[in-house]
Amino acid sequence: MNPKSHKHFKKDIAKDVGVNPSVVEDLISFYFSKVRESLSNIDDIRIYVEKLGTFSVRKARLEKAIIKNKSYLGNLHKHTYNGYQKTIDTKEKIKKFEEVLEKIEDTIERKDEFKKNKL
């Protein structure tokens, strides 16, 4: 099964709905831009996309990303304006990663607790 791009079927969708194909294209690009934004912001540990499934943050990769960003933080030149701004951005990113890691660990603890109580 070969996946098809929306470019191949947006005219048919526009015809079925009765709108201009550019409206369908705008809707599709808006929807997937919001999906990409949700995935890149990692506000939550799971994101459900209808017809595609659930995307979840992997704990091991998140831990590696935290280590990588902390290492990067140590190598920045904090005394320059550009380096200072990168330091602030990296610290915010690390904080967000650590918050998500806490959510993942809480979820794992709740699952383990549920399994213990179930038995």
N, C-alpha and C. Protein backbone atom coordinates (compact mmCIF):
# COMPACT_ATOMS: atom_id res chain seq x y z
N MET A 1 0.84 -1.17 0.00
CA MET A 1 0.00 0.00 0.00
C MET A 1 0.89 1.24 0.00
N ASN A 2 0.71 2.07 -0.98
CA ASN A 2 1.49 3.29 -1.10
C ASN A 2 0.69 4.47 -0.55
N PRO A 3 1.27 5.23 0.38
CA PRO A 3 0.54 6.39 0.90
C PRO A 3 0.39 7.45 -0.18
N LYS A 4 -0.72 8.16 -0.14
CA LYS A 4 -0.98 9.20 -1.12
C LYS A 4 -0.91 10.56 -0.44
N SER A 5 -0.40 11.50 -1.16
CA SER A 5 -0.33 12.87 -0.68
C SER A 5 -1.70 13.52 -0.84
N HIS A 6 -1.97 14.52 -0.03
CA HIS A 6 -3.26 15.21 -0.13
C HIS A 6 -3.40 15.92 -1.47
N LYS A 7 -2.30 16.15 -2.16
CA LYS A 7 -2.35 16.82 -3.46
C LYS A 7 -3.11 16.00 -4.48
N HIS A 8 -3.10 14.67 -4.30
CA HIS A 8 -3.76 13.79 -5.26
C HIS A 8 -5.27 13.76 -5.09
N PHE A 9 -5.76 13.96 -3.90
CA PHE A 9 -7.19 13.81 -3.70
C PHE A 9 -7.90 15.06 -3.18
N LYS A 10 -7.22 16.18 -3.10
CA LYS A 10 -7.87 17.39 -2.59
C LYS A 10 -8.93 17.92 -3.55
N LYS A 11 -8.76 17.71 -4.85
CA LYS A 11 -9.77 18.15 -5.81
C LYS A 11 -11.05 17.35 -5.64
N ASP A 12 -10.92 16.04 -5.41
CA ASP A 12 -12.10 15.21 -5.21
C ASP A 12 -12.83 15.59 -3.92
N ILE A 13 -12.06 15.88 -2.87
CA ILE A 13 -12.66 16.29 -1.60
C ILE A 13 -13.39 17.62 -1.80
N ALA A 14 -12.75 18.55 -2.48
CA ALA A 14 -13.37 19.86 -2.72
C ALA A 14 -14.66 19.72 -3.52
N LYS A 15 -14.64 18.82 -4.49
CA LYS A 15 -15.84 18.61 -5.31
C LYS A 15 -16.95 17.98 -4.48
N ASP A 16 -16.62 17.01 -3.63
CA ASP A 16 -17.62 16.35 -2.79
C ASP A 16 -18.24 17.32 -1.77
N VAL A 17 -17.41 18.18 -1.20
CA VAL A 17 -17.87 19.11 -0.18
C VAL A 17 -18.50 20.35 -0.81
N GLY A 18 -18.06 20.69 -2.02
CA GLY A 18 -18.60 21.86 -2.72
C GLY A 18 -17.87 23.14 -2.39
N VAL A 19 -16.54 23.05 -2.19
CA VAL A 19 -15.73 24.24 -1.91
C VAL A 19 -14.56 24.28 -2.89
N ASN A 20 -13.87 25.38 -2.85
CA ASN A 20 -12.70 25.56 -3.70
C ASN A 20 -11.55 24.67 -3.22
N PRO A 21 -10.76 24.07 -4.12
CA PRO A 21 -9.63 23.23 -3.69
C PRO A 21 -8.62 23.95 -2.80
N SER A 22 -8.50 25.26 -2.95
CA SER A 22 -7.56 26.00 -2.10
C SER A 22 -8.02 26.00 -0.64
N VAL A 23 -9.34 25.96 -0.41
CA VAL A 23 -9.86 25.89 0.96
C VAL A 23 -9.49 24.55 1.59
N VAL A 24 -9.61 23.49 0.82
CA VAL A 24 -9.23 22.16 1.32
C VAL A 24 -7.74 22.12 1.62
N GLU A 25 -6.94 22.69 0.74
CA GLU A 25 -5.49 22.72 0.96
C GLU A 25 -5.14 23.51 2.21
N ASP A 26 -5.80 24.66 2.41
CA ASP A 26 -5.56 25.46 3.62
C ASP A 26 -5.95 24.70 4.88
N LEU A 27 -7.07 24.00 4.83
CA LEU A 27 -7.51 23.23 5.98
C LEU A 27 -6.53 22.12 6.32
N ILE A 28 -6.07 21.41 5.31
CA ILE A 28 -5.11 20.32 5.53
C ILE A 28 -3.79 20.86 6.08
N SER A 29 -3.29 21.93 5.49
CA SER A 29 -2.02 22.47 5.97
C SER A 29 -2.16 23.04 7.38
N PHE A 30 -3.31 23.65 7.71
CA PHE A 30 -3.53 24.16 9.06
C PHE A 30 -3.56 23.01 10.06
N TYR A 31 -4.29 21.95 9.72
CA TYR A 31 -4.42 20.81 10.63
C TYR A 31 -3.05 20.19 10.92
N PHE A 32 -2.28 19.92 9.87
CA PHE A 32 -1.00 19.28 10.09
C PHE A 32 0.04 20.22 10.69
N SER A 33 -0.11 21.52 10.52
CA SER A 33 0.79 22.43 11.21
C SER A 33 0.52 22.40 12.71
N LYS A 34 -0.76 22.26 13.10
CA LYS A 34 -1.10 22.14 14.52
C LYS A 34 -0.59 20.81 15.08
N VAL A 35 -0.67 19.73 14.28
CA VAL A 35 -0.14 18.44 14.73
C VAL A 35 1.36 18.54 14.93
N ARG A 36 2.08 19.13 13.98
CA ARG A 36 3.53 19.29 14.11
C ARG A 36 3.88 20.15 15.32
N GLU A 37 3.11 21.20 15.55
CA GLU A 37 3.34 22.07 16.70
C GLU A 37 3.14 21.31 18.00
N SER A 38 2.10 20.50 18.07
CA SER A 38 1.85 19.71 19.27
C SER A 38 2.96 18.70 19.51
N LEU A 39 3.44 18.08 18.45
CA LEU A 39 4.52 17.10 18.58
C LEU A 39 5.83 17.76 19.00
N SER A 40 6.11 18.93 18.45
CA SER A 40 7.39 19.57 18.77
C SER A 40 7.38 20.24 20.14
N ASN A 41 6.21 20.69 20.62
CA ASN A 41 6.13 21.33 21.93
C ASN A 41 6.15 20.35 23.08
N ILE A 42 5.84 19.11 22.81
CA ILE A 42 5.69 18.04 23.81
C ILE A 42 5.07 18.53 25.11
N ASP A 43 3.88 19.10 24.98
CA ASP A 43 3.14 19.54 26.17
C ASP A 43 2.60 18.35 26.94
N ASP A 44 2.33 17.27 26.26
CA ASP A 44 1.81 16.09 26.90
C ASP A 44 2.62 14.88 26.43
N ILE A 45 2.49 13.76 27.13
CA ILE A 45 3.30 12.60 26.77
C ILE A 45 2.70 11.80 25.62
N ARG A 46 1.41 12.02 25.33
CA ARG A 46 0.76 11.34 24.22
C ARG A 46 -0.05 12.33 23.40
N ILE A 47 -0.03 12.14 22.09
CA ILE A 47 -0.83 12.95 21.18
C ILE A 47 -1.57 12.00 20.26
N TYR A 48 -2.90 12.12 20.22
CA TYR A 48 -3.70 11.26 19.36
C TYR A 48 -4.04 12.02 18.08
N VAL A 49 -3.74 11.41 16.95
CA VAL A 49 -4.08 11.96 15.65
C VAL A 49 -5.04 10.97 15.01
N GLU A 50 -6.24 11.46 14.72
CA GLU A 50 -7.27 10.59 14.17
C GLU A 50 -6.80 9.96 12.86
N LYS A 51 -7.05 8.69 12.72
CA LYS A 51 -6.71 7.86 11.56
C LYS A 51 -5.22 7.56 11.46
N LEU A 52 -4.41 8.15 12.31
CA LEU A 52 -2.96 7.87 12.31
C LEU A 52 -2.52 7.15 13.57
N GLY A 53 -3.20 7.39 14.68
CA GLY A 53 -2.86 6.71 15.91
C GLY A 53 -2.35 7.66 16.98
N THR A 54 -1.79 7.06 18.01
CA THR A 54 -1.27 7.80 19.15
C THR A 54 0.25 7.87 19.07
N PHE A 55 0.77 9.06 19.22
CA PHE A 55 2.21 9.26 19.26
C PHE A 55 2.58 9.54 20.70
N SER A 56 3.58 8.83 21.21
CA SER A 56 3.97 9.05 22.59
C SER A 56 5.47 9.30 22.68
N VAL A 57 5.83 10.03 23.72
CA VAL A 57 7.24 10.38 23.96
C VAL A 57 7.92 9.16 24.57
N ARG A 58 9.08 8.84 24.06
CA ARG A 58 9.85 7.71 24.60
C ARG A 58 10.75 8.21 25.72
N LYS A 59 10.70 7.50 26.81
CA LYS A 59 11.44 7.90 28.00
C LYS A 59 12.95 7.91 27.75
N ALA A 60 13.46 6.87 27.11
CA ALA A 60 14.90 6.77 26.88
C ALA A 60 15.40 7.91 25.98
N ARG A 61 14.64 8.22 24.94
CA ARG A 61 15.05 9.31 24.05
C ARG A 61 14.97 10.66 24.75
N LEU A 62 13.98 10.81 25.61
CA LEU A 62 13.85 12.06 26.36
C LEU A 62 15.02 12.23 27.31
N GLU A 63 15.42 11.15 27.98
CA GLU A 63 16.58 11.22 28.87
C GLU A 63 17.85 11.57 28.10
N LYS A 64 18.01 10.99 26.91
CA LYS A 64 19.17 11.32 26.08
C LYS A 64 19.14 12.79 25.65
N ALA A 65 17.94 13.29 25.33
CA ALA A 65 17.81 14.69 24.92
C ALA A 65 18.16 15.63 26.07
N ILE A 66 17.78 15.26 27.28
CA ILE A 66 18.13 16.08 28.45
C ILE A 66 19.64 16.11 28.64
N ILE A 67 20.27 14.96 28.57
CA ILE A 67 21.72 14.89 28.73
C ILE A 67 22.43 15.70 27.63
N LYS A 68 21.95 15.55 26.40
CA LYS A 68 22.55 16.26 25.27
C LYS A 68 22.43 17.77 25.45
N ASN A 69 21.26 18.25 25.87
CA ASN A 69 21.06 19.68 26.04
C ASN A 69 21.84 20.23 27.22
N LYS A 70 21.99 19.45 28.28
CA LYS A 70 22.81 19.89 29.41
C LYS A 70 24.28 19.98 29.00
N SER A 71 24.72 19.05 28.18
CA SER A 71 26.09 19.10 27.67
C SER A 71 26.28 20.33 26.78
N TYR A 72 25.29 20.58 25.94
CA TYR A 72 25.33 21.75 25.05
C TYR A 72 25.35 23.03 25.87
N LEU A 73 24.61 23.03 26.96
CA LEU A 73 24.54 24.20 27.83
C LEU A 73 25.91 24.52 28.43
N GLY A 74 26.67 23.49 28.76
CA GLY A 74 27.99 23.70 29.34
C GLY A 74 29.00 24.23 28.35
N ASN A 75 28.74 24.03 27.06
CA ASN A 75 29.70 24.46 26.03
C ASN A 75 29.40 25.83 25.45
N LEU A 76 28.33 26.49 25.89
CA LEU A 76 27.97 27.79 25.34
C LEU A 76 28.83 28.91 25.93
N HIS A 77 29.05 29.91 25.12
CA HIS A 77 29.74 31.12 25.59
C HIS A 77 28.67 32.06 26.15
N LYS A 78 28.53 32.06 27.45
CA LYS A 78 27.43 32.78 28.10
C LYS A 78 27.68 34.29 28.20
N HIS A 79 28.88 34.71 27.89
CA HIS A 79 29.21 36.13 28.04
C HIS A 79 28.88 36.94 26.80
N THR A 80 28.52 36.28 25.72
CA THR A 80 28.10 37.00 24.52
C THR A 80 26.58 37.07 24.50
N TYR A 81 26.06 38.04 23.77
CA TYR A 81 24.61 38.21 23.69
C TYR A 81 23.95 36.98 23.07
N ASN A 82 24.50 36.51 21.98
CA ASN A 82 23.95 35.35 21.29
C ASN A 82 24.04 34.10 22.16
N GLY A 83 25.13 33.91 22.83
CA GLY A 83 25.31 32.77 23.72
C GLY A 83 24.39 32.84 24.92
N TYR A 84 24.15 34.04 25.42
CA TYR A 84 23.24 34.21 26.55
C TYR A 84 21.82 33.82 26.17
N GLN A 85 21.39 34.26 24.98
CA GLN A 85 20.04 33.92 24.52
C GLN A 85 19.90 32.41 24.30
N LYS A 86 20.92 31.79 23.74
CA LYS A 86 20.88 30.34 23.56
C LYS A 86 20.85 29.62 24.90
N THR A 87 21.54 30.18 25.89
CA THR A 87 21.53 29.60 27.24
C THR A 87 20.13 29.63 27.82
N ILE A 88 19.46 30.75 27.69
CA ILE A 88 18.10 30.88 28.21
C ILE A 88 17.16 29.89 27.50
N ASP A 89 17.26 29.83 26.16
CA ASP A 89 16.40 28.92 25.39
C ASP A 89 16.66 27.46 25.76
N THR A 90 17.92 27.11 25.93
CA THR A 90 18.26 25.73 26.27
C THR A 90 17.79 25.38 27.67
N LYS A 91 17.90 26.30 28.61
CA LYS A 91 17.41 26.05 29.97
C LYS A 91 15.90 25.83 29.98
N GLU A 92 15.18 26.60 29.18
CA GLU A 92 13.72 26.43 29.08
C GLU A 92 13.38 25.07 28.47
N LYS A 93 14.15 24.68 27.47
CA LYS A 93 13.91 23.40 26.83
C LYS A 93 14.17 22.25 27.80
N ILE A 94 15.26 22.35 28.56
CA ILE A 94 15.59 21.32 29.55
C ILE A 94 14.50 21.24 30.62
N LYS A 95 14.00 22.39 31.05
CA LYS A 95 12.93 22.42 32.06
C LYS A 95 11.69 21.72 31.53
N LYS A 96 11.33 22.00 30.28
CA LYS A 96 10.16 21.36 29.68
C LYS A 96 10.37 19.86 29.55
N PHE A 97 11.56 19.44 29.13
CA PHE A 97 11.87 18.01 29.01
C PHE A 97 11.76 17.32 30.37
N GLU A 98 12.27 17.97 31.42
CA GLU A 98 12.22 17.37 32.75
C GLU A 98 10.79 17.27 33.27
N GLU A 99 9.95 18.25 32.94
CA GLU A 99 8.54 18.18 33.33
C GLU A 99 7.85 17.00 32.65
N VAL A 100 8.13 16.81 31.38
CA VAL A 100 7.54 15.69 30.64
C VAL A 100 8.07 14.37 31.18
N LEU A 101 9.34 14.33 31.53
CA LEU A 101 9.92 13.12 32.11
C LEU A 101 9.23 12.78 33.43
N GLU A 102 8.93 13.79 34.24
CA GLU A 102 8.19 13.56 35.49
C GLU A 102 6.80 12.98 35.20
N LYS A 103 6.14 13.50 34.17
CA LYS A 103 4.82 12.97 33.80
C LYS A 103 4.91 11.51 33.39
N ILE A 104 5.95 11.18 32.64
CA ILE A 104 6.13 9.79 32.21
C ILE A 104 6.37 8.89 33.42
N GLU A 105 7.23 9.34 34.33
CA GLU A 105 7.51 8.53 35.51
C GLU A 105 6.28 8.38 36.40
N ASP A 106 5.46 9.43 36.51
CA ASP A 106 4.22 9.33 37.28
C ASP A 106 3.26 8.34 36.64
N THR A 107 3.19 8.36 35.32
CA THR A 107 2.34 7.42 34.61
C THR A 107 2.80 5.99 34.83
N ILE A 108 4.09 5.77 34.78
CA ILE A 108 4.64 4.43 35.02
C ILE A 108 4.33 3.97 36.44
N GLU A 109 4.49 4.87 37.41
CA GLU A 109 4.18 4.53 38.80
C GLU A 109 2.70 4.18 38.97
N ARG A 110 1.81 4.96 38.35
CA ARG A 110 0.38 4.68 38.45
C ARG A 110 0.03 3.34 37.82
N LYS A 111 0.66 3.02 36.70
CA LYS A 111 0.42 1.72 36.05
C LYS A 111 0.89 0.58 36.94
N ASP A 112 2.07 0.74 37.53
CA ASP A 112 2.58 -0.30 38.43
C ASP A 112 1.68 -0.47 39.65
N GLU A 113 1.23 0.64 40.20
CA GLU A 113 0.33 0.60 41.35
C GLU A 113 -0.99 -0.09 40.99
N PHE A 114 -1.51 0.21 39.82
CA PHE A 114 -2.73 -0.42 39.36
C PHE A 114 -2.56 -1.93 39.21
N LYS A 115 -1.43 -2.34 38.66
CA LYS A 115 -1.15 -3.77 38.48
C LYS A 115 -1.05 -4.47 39.84
N LYS A 116 -0.41 -3.84 40.81
CA LYS A 116 -0.28 -4.42 42.15
C LYS A 116 -1.65 -4.56 42.81
N ASN A 117 -2.49 -3.55 42.69
CA ASN A 117 -3.81 -3.59 43.30
C ASN A 117 -4.75 -4.56 42.61
N LYS A 118 -4.52 -4.79 41.34
CA LYS A 118 -5.35 -5.69 40.56
C LYS A 118 -5.14 -7.13 40.98
N LEU A 119 -3.91 -7.46 41.31
CA LEU A 119 -3.59 -8.83 41.71
C LEU A 119 -4.04 -9.04 43.11
